Amino acid sequence: MAAMRQKSKPVSTTAKSGKAVRIPYTTAEVTEIFRRFAVQRPEPQPELEHSDAFTLLVAVVLSAQATDMGVNRATRGLFAKASTASAMVALGEDAIREEIRTIGLFRNKAKNVALLAERLVEHYGGVVPDSREALEALPGVGRKTANVVLNTAFGKETLAVDTHIFRIGNRLKIAPGKTPEEVERNFLRIIPDGYLRHAHHWLILHGRYVCKARKPDCAACIIADLCKADEKTTNVPAPLVPLEVRGAGEQARPPVTAFGGAVL
């Protein structure tokens, strides 16, 4: 009975105004959500192809308003020619632009990549720094990019909020916010200890392959019974099975399911 009383207590997060905002989840429910994500993807990786901190940084800078698949197609040729800061400086902005012209905003992105490579060579010996302040001082690098690099390259417990995580935070009512920064703060307040390291990738992959923007695939959702989204179509969770562990690049997708959770 004591456990039941504890479970009925909702979690509170904090709005930008400083006032507590209650979300329709208990602490136990939030913990269970991330426990299931951890079982499904024990070692999630980014879908941007990279080999080290520098290539990750460049790939993330290029990913703004572009798909990971599109960035990967462009960076395969780019990184074959320049996979270090010094090599990127030698390659030059014009050649960088030609390699990435298939992705959106390629002119401005080529300029930023060339400038950030120069800055790394001049100030850090070509090595990507592991502090937020230093990263955000680089051309083309904002908070989201810095969070991705800090988390993926350096193992720091940060949460980069992209369009998928922003959508999940608000759609599921689990970390609501009007800005990415507000959603980030609210997620950081509720993610249980031990789960923050991989939370960024779990949430992105869940949003990309299951809780999709146009129509969520609720039959493939392992947290359907816990989800409080108005749009959800089932309360039956999909089977919780570990997915194939892959390196950086395209990650395994949840199995296709029939309505009600039966694996096809």
Protein backbone atom coordinates (compact mmCIF):
# COMPACT_ATOMS: atom_id res chain seq x y z
CA MET A 1 0.00 0.00 0.00
CA ALA A 2 2.87 2.39 0.77
CA ALA A 3 4.30 1.81 -2.70
CA MET A 4 0.92 2.64 -4.23
CA ARG A 5 0.72 5.93 -2.30
CA GLN A 6 4.20 6.91 -3.46
CA LYS A 7 3.37 6.11 -7.09
CA SER A 8 0.37 8.44 -7.08
CA LYS A 9 2.51 11.50 -6.40
CA PRO A 10 3.30 13.44 -9.61
CA VAL A 11 6.72 14.83 -10.42
CA SER A 12 7.25 18.57 -10.42
CA THR A 13 9.53 20.48 -12.72
CA THR A 14 10.17 24.20 -12.87
CA ALA A 15 9.10 26.71 -15.48
CA LYS A 16 11.23 29.64 -16.61
CA SER A 17 9.29 31.83 -14.18
CA GLY A 18 10.61 29.71 -11.32
CA LYS A 19 7.17 28.34 -10.47
CA ALA A 20 6.79 24.59 -10.04
CA VAL A 21 5.00 22.88 -12.92
CA ARG A 22 3.54 19.45 -12.27
CA ILE A 23 3.83 16.84 -14.99
CA PRO A 24 1.45 13.87 -15.20
CA TYR A 25 4.14 11.31 -14.33
CA THR A 26 5.27 9.85 -11.06
CA THR A 27 8.92 9.43 -10.22
CA ALA A 28 8.48 5.68 -10.65
CA GLU A 29 6.97 6.15 -14.13
CA VAL A 30 9.80 8.42 -15.28
CA THR A 31 12.35 5.93 -14.02
CA GLU A 32 10.57 3.09 -15.81
CA ILE A 33 10.54 5.02 -19.08
CA PHE A 34 14.30 5.43 -19.05
CA ARG A 35 14.86 1.89 -17.78
CA ARG A 36 13.06 0.58 -20.86
CA PHE A 37 15.04 2.85 -23.16
CA ALA A 38 18.22 1.44 -21.59
CA VAL A 39 17.10 -2.15 -22.14
CA GLN A 40 16.16 -1.46 -25.76
CA ARG A 41 19.36 0.44 -26.59
CA PRO A 42 22.09 -0.32 -24.03
CA GLU A 43 24.80 1.51 -26.02
CA PRO A 44 23.12 4.05 -28.32
CA GLN A 45 25.29 5.94 -30.78
CA PRO A 46 24.77 9.07 -32.88
CA GLU A 47 23.63 8.55 -36.44
CA LEU A 48 26.14 11.09 -37.67
CA GLU A 49 29.17 9.19 -38.94
CA HIS A 50 32.43 10.27 -37.29
CA SER A 51 35.72 8.85 -36.08
CA ASP A 52 36.75 11.28 -33.34
CA ALA A 53 35.86 14.52 -31.60
CA PHE A 54 36.86 16.70 -34.56
CA THR A 55 34.86 14.84 -37.20
CA LEU A 56 31.91 14.70 -34.78
CA LEU A 57 32.11 18.46 -34.25
CA VAL A 58 32.16 19.13 -37.98
CA ALA A 59 29.30 16.71 -38.63
CA VAL A 60 27.12 18.31 -35.96
CA VAL A 61 27.82 21.81 -37.29
CA LEU A 62 26.78 20.61 -40.74
CA SER A 63 23.63 18.92 -39.43
CA ALA A 64 21.69 22.11 -38.73
CA GLN A 65 18.54 22.07 -40.89
CA ALA A 66 19.77 18.90 -42.61
CA THR A 67 19.17 15.19 -42.13
CA ASP A 68 21.84 12.96 -40.64
CA MET A 69 21.69 10.80 -43.76
CA GLY A 70 22.34 13.80 -45.97
CA VAL A 71 25.22 14.97 -43.79
CA ASN A 72 26.76 11.49 -43.84
CA ARG A 73 26.71 11.42 -47.62
CA ALA A 74 28.55 14.74 -47.71
CA THR A 75 31.08 14.05 -44.96
CA ARG A 76 32.26 10.73 -46.39
CA GLY A 77 33.97 12.63 -49.19
CA LEU A 78 34.96 15.55 -46.98
CA PHE A 79 36.56 13.43 -44.26
CA ALA A 80 38.37 11.33 -46.85
CA LYS A 81 40.21 14.53 -47.77
CA ALA A 82 40.41 16.19 -44.36
CA SER A 83 39.73 14.43 -41.07
CA THR A 84 41.81 16.70 -38.82
CA ALA A 85 41.69 20.41 -38.09
CA SER A 86 45.03 21.07 -39.79
CA ALA A 87 43.97 19.10 -42.88
CA MET A 88 40.69 21.02 -43.01
CA VAL A 89 42.59 24.31 -42.90
CA ALA A 90 44.80 23.12 -45.74
CA LEU A 91 41.75 22.01 -47.74
CA GLY A 92 40.25 25.50 -47.53
CA GLU A 93 36.78 26.96 -47.61
CA ASP A 94 36.24 26.64 -51.37
CA ALA A 95 37.00 22.93 -51.42
CA ILE A 96 34.94 22.35 -48.28
CA ARG A 97 32.01 24.08 -49.95
CA GLU A 98 32.23 21.82 -52.97
CA GLU A 99 32.20 18.70 -50.79
CA ILE A 100 29.11 19.72 -48.81
CA ARG A 101 27.07 21.54 -51.46
CA THR A 102 24.35 18.84 -51.31
CA ILE A 103 23.23 19.94 -47.82
CA GLY A 104 21.29 23.03 -46.83
CA LEU A 105 23.06 26.30 -46.06
CA PHE A 106 26.29 24.80 -47.42
CA ARG A 107 27.96 28.15 -48.11
CA ASN A 108 27.67 29.44 -44.57
CA LYS A 109 28.48 26.02 -43.13
CA ALA A 110 31.65 25.74 -45.25
CA LYS A 111 32.76 29.11 -43.93
CA ASN A 112 32.12 28.06 -40.33
CA VAL A 113 33.94 24.74 -40.72
CA ALA A 114 36.96 26.48 -42.21
CA LEU A 115 36.99 29.10 -39.45
CA LEU A 116 36.51 26.66 -36.58
CA ALA A 117 39.32 24.49 -37.95
CA GLU A 118 41.58 27.55 -38.02
CA ARG A 119 40.59 28.44 -34.47
CA LEU A 120 41.31 24.91 -33.25
CA VAL A 121 44.75 24.91 -34.87
CA GLU A 122 45.64 28.39 -33.60
CA HIS A 123 44.37 28.08 -30.04
CA TYR A 124 44.14 24.38 -29.18
CA GLY A 125 46.80 22.67 -31.25
CA GLY A 126 44.11 21.16 -33.47
CA VAL A 127 42.43 19.40 -30.53
CA VAL A 128 38.73 19.86 -29.78
CA PRO A 129 38.35 21.40 -26.29
CA ASP A 130 36.17 19.67 -23.71
CA SER A 131 34.58 22.74 -22.12
CA ARG A 132 31.29 24.32 -23.04
CA GLU A 133 32.69 27.84 -23.03
CA ALA A 134 35.50 26.98 -25.45
CA LEU A 135 33.22 25.04 -27.76
CA GLU A 136 30.55 27.72 -27.92
CA ALA A 137 33.23 30.29 -28.79
CA LEU A 138 33.97 28.40 -32.03
CA PRO A 139 32.32 29.60 -35.27
CA GLY A 140 29.03 27.82 -35.99
CA VAL A 141 28.85 26.17 -32.55
CA GLY A 142 25.89 26.85 -30.29
CA ARG A 143 24.60 25.22 -27.14
CA LYS A 144 23.05 22.22 -28.89
CA THR A 145 26.22 21.41 -30.84
CA ALA A 146 28.36 21.85 -27.73
CA ASN A 147 26.07 19.50 -25.78
CA VAL A 148 26.32 16.80 -28.45
CA VAL A 149 30.11 16.98 -28.54
CA LEU A 150 30.47 17.08 -24.75
CA ASN A 151 28.16 14.09 -24.37
CA THR A 152 29.31 11.90 -27.25
CA ALA A 153 33.02 12.70 -27.49
CA PHE A 154 33.79 13.36 -23.83
CA GLY A 155 31.16 11.35 -21.95
CA LYS A 156 29.69 14.31 -20.11
CA GLU A 157 26.10 14.21 -18.89
CA THR A 158 24.55 16.82 -21.14
CA LEU A 159 21.29 16.85 -23.09
CA ALA A 160 21.15 18.45 -26.52
CA VAL A 161 17.58 19.34 -27.45
CA ASP A 162 16.86 18.99 -31.14
CA THR A 163 13.48 18.98 -32.87
CA HIS A 164 12.79 15.36 -31.83
CA ILE A 165 13.51 15.89 -28.13
CA PHE A 166 11.63 19.19 -28.14
CA ARG A 167 8.61 17.39 -29.61
CA ILE A 168 8.76 14.51 -27.12
CA GLY A 169 9.11 16.82 -24.14
CA ASN A 170 5.94 18.66 -25.11
CA ARG A 171 3.88 15.89 -26.76
CA LEU A 172 4.36 13.49 -23.85
CA LYS A 173 3.99 16.36 -21.34
CA ILE A 174 7.08 15.03 -19.61
CA ALA A 175 9.35 18.06 -20.03
CA PRO A 176 7.20 20.83 -21.50
CA GLY A 177 8.70 24.10 -22.61
CA LYS A 178 8.38 26.87 -25.14
CA THR A 179 12.08 26.90 -26.01
CA PRO A 180 14.76 24.20 -26.41
CA GLU A 181 16.52 25.60 -23.34
CA GLU A 182 13.39 25.25 -21.22
CA VAL A 183 12.80 21.69 -22.41
CA GLU A 184 16.45 20.89 -21.66
CA ARG A 185 16.18 22.26 -18.13
CA ASN A 186 12.99 20.34 -17.46
CA PHE A 187 14.39 17.06 -18.76
CA LEU A 188 17.54 17.50 -16.68
CA ARG A 189 15.40 17.90 -13.56
CA ILE A 190 13.55 14.61 -14.02
CA ILE A 191 15.97 12.18 -15.70
CA PRO A 192 16.99 9.71 -12.97
CA ASP A 193 20.58 9.24 -11.87
CA GLY A 194 22.39 6.73 -14.03
CA TYR A 195 20.38 7.47 -17.17
CA LEU A 196 21.50 10.94 -18.24
CA ARG A 197 24.62 9.76 -20.08
CA HIS A 198 22.59 8.18 -22.91
CA ALA A 199 19.29 10.06 -22.55
CA HIS A 200 20.06 12.35 -25.50
CA HIS A 201 20.41 9.47 -27.96
CA TRP A 202 17.49 7.47 -26.54
CA LEU A 203 15.13 10.40 -26.91
CA ILE A 204 16.33 11.36 -30.40
CA LEU A 205 16.05 7.81 -31.72
CA HIS A 206 12.64 7.35 -30.10
CA GLY A 207 11.44 10.56 -31.73
CA ARG A 208 12.97 9.73 -35.11
CA TYR A 209 11.69 6.16 -35.43
CA VAL A 210 8.68 5.86 -33.13
CA CYS A 211 7.23 9.13 -31.82
CA LYS A 212 7.35 10.71 -35.27
CA ALA A 213 6.32 14.26 -36.01
CA ARG A 214 3.40 13.66 -38.36
CA LYS A 215 2.01 10.49 -36.84
CA PRO A 216 3.47 8.62 -33.86
CA ASP A 217 3.89 4.88 -34.36
CA CYS A 218 2.34 3.94 -31.04
CA ALA A 219 2.20 0.21 -31.86
CA ALA A 220 6.03 0.22 -31.91
CA CYS A 221 6.33 2.20 -28.67
CA ILE A 222 7.81 0.44 -25.64
CA ILE A 223 6.39 3.09 -23.28
CA ALA A 224 2.85 3.25 -24.70
CA ASP A 225 1.33 2.24 -21.36
CA LEU A 226 3.15 5.08 -19.58
CA CYS A 227 2.82 7.77 -22.25
CA LYS A 228 0.46 10.68 -21.53
CA ALA A 229 0.36 12.10 -25.08
CA ASP A 230 -3.07 13.09 -26.33
CA GLU A 231 -2.27 11.61 -29.75
CA LYS A 232 -1.44 8.09 -28.63
CA THR A 233 -3.49 5.28 -30.12
CA THR A 234 -2.81 2.37 -27.78
CA ASN A 235 -2.04 1.65 -24.15
CA VAL A 236 -0.30 -1.61 -25.00
CA PRO A 237 3.49 -1.31 -25.08
CA ALA A 238 5.51 -2.95 -27.83
CA PRO A 239 7.69 -5.91 -26.77
CA LEU A 240 10.79 -4.76 -24.92
CA VAL A 241 13.69 -6.42 -26.71
CA PRO A 242 17.31 -5.24 -27.03
CA LEU A 243 18.14 -3.90 -30.48
CA GLU A 244 21.36 -4.59 -32.35
CA VAL A 245 24.26 -2.53 -31.01
CA ARG A 246 25.97 -0.60 -33.80
CA GLY A 247 28.72 1.97 -34.05
CA ALA A 248 28.21 5.57 -35.12
CA GLY A 249 25.91 5.80 -38.13
CA GLU A 250 22.44 4.47 -38.80
CA GLN A 251 21.07 2.77 -35.71
CA ALA A 252 18.82 -0.28 -35.51
CA ARG A 253 15.13 0.45 -35.78
CA PRO A 254 12.43 -1.07 -33.57
CA PRO A 255 10.73 -4.12 -35.12
CA VAL A 256 7.58 -3.50 -37.13
CA THR A 257 4.55 -4.36 -35.04
CA ALA A 258 0.88 -4.90 -35.57
CA PHE A 259 -1.62 -2.87 -33.57
CA GLY A 260 -1.51 -4.23 -30.06
CA GLY A 261 2.18 -5.00 -29.98
CA ALA A 262 2.55 -8.31 -31.81
CA VAL A 263 5.88 -8.49 -33.65
CA LEU A 264 5.43 -9.09 -37.37
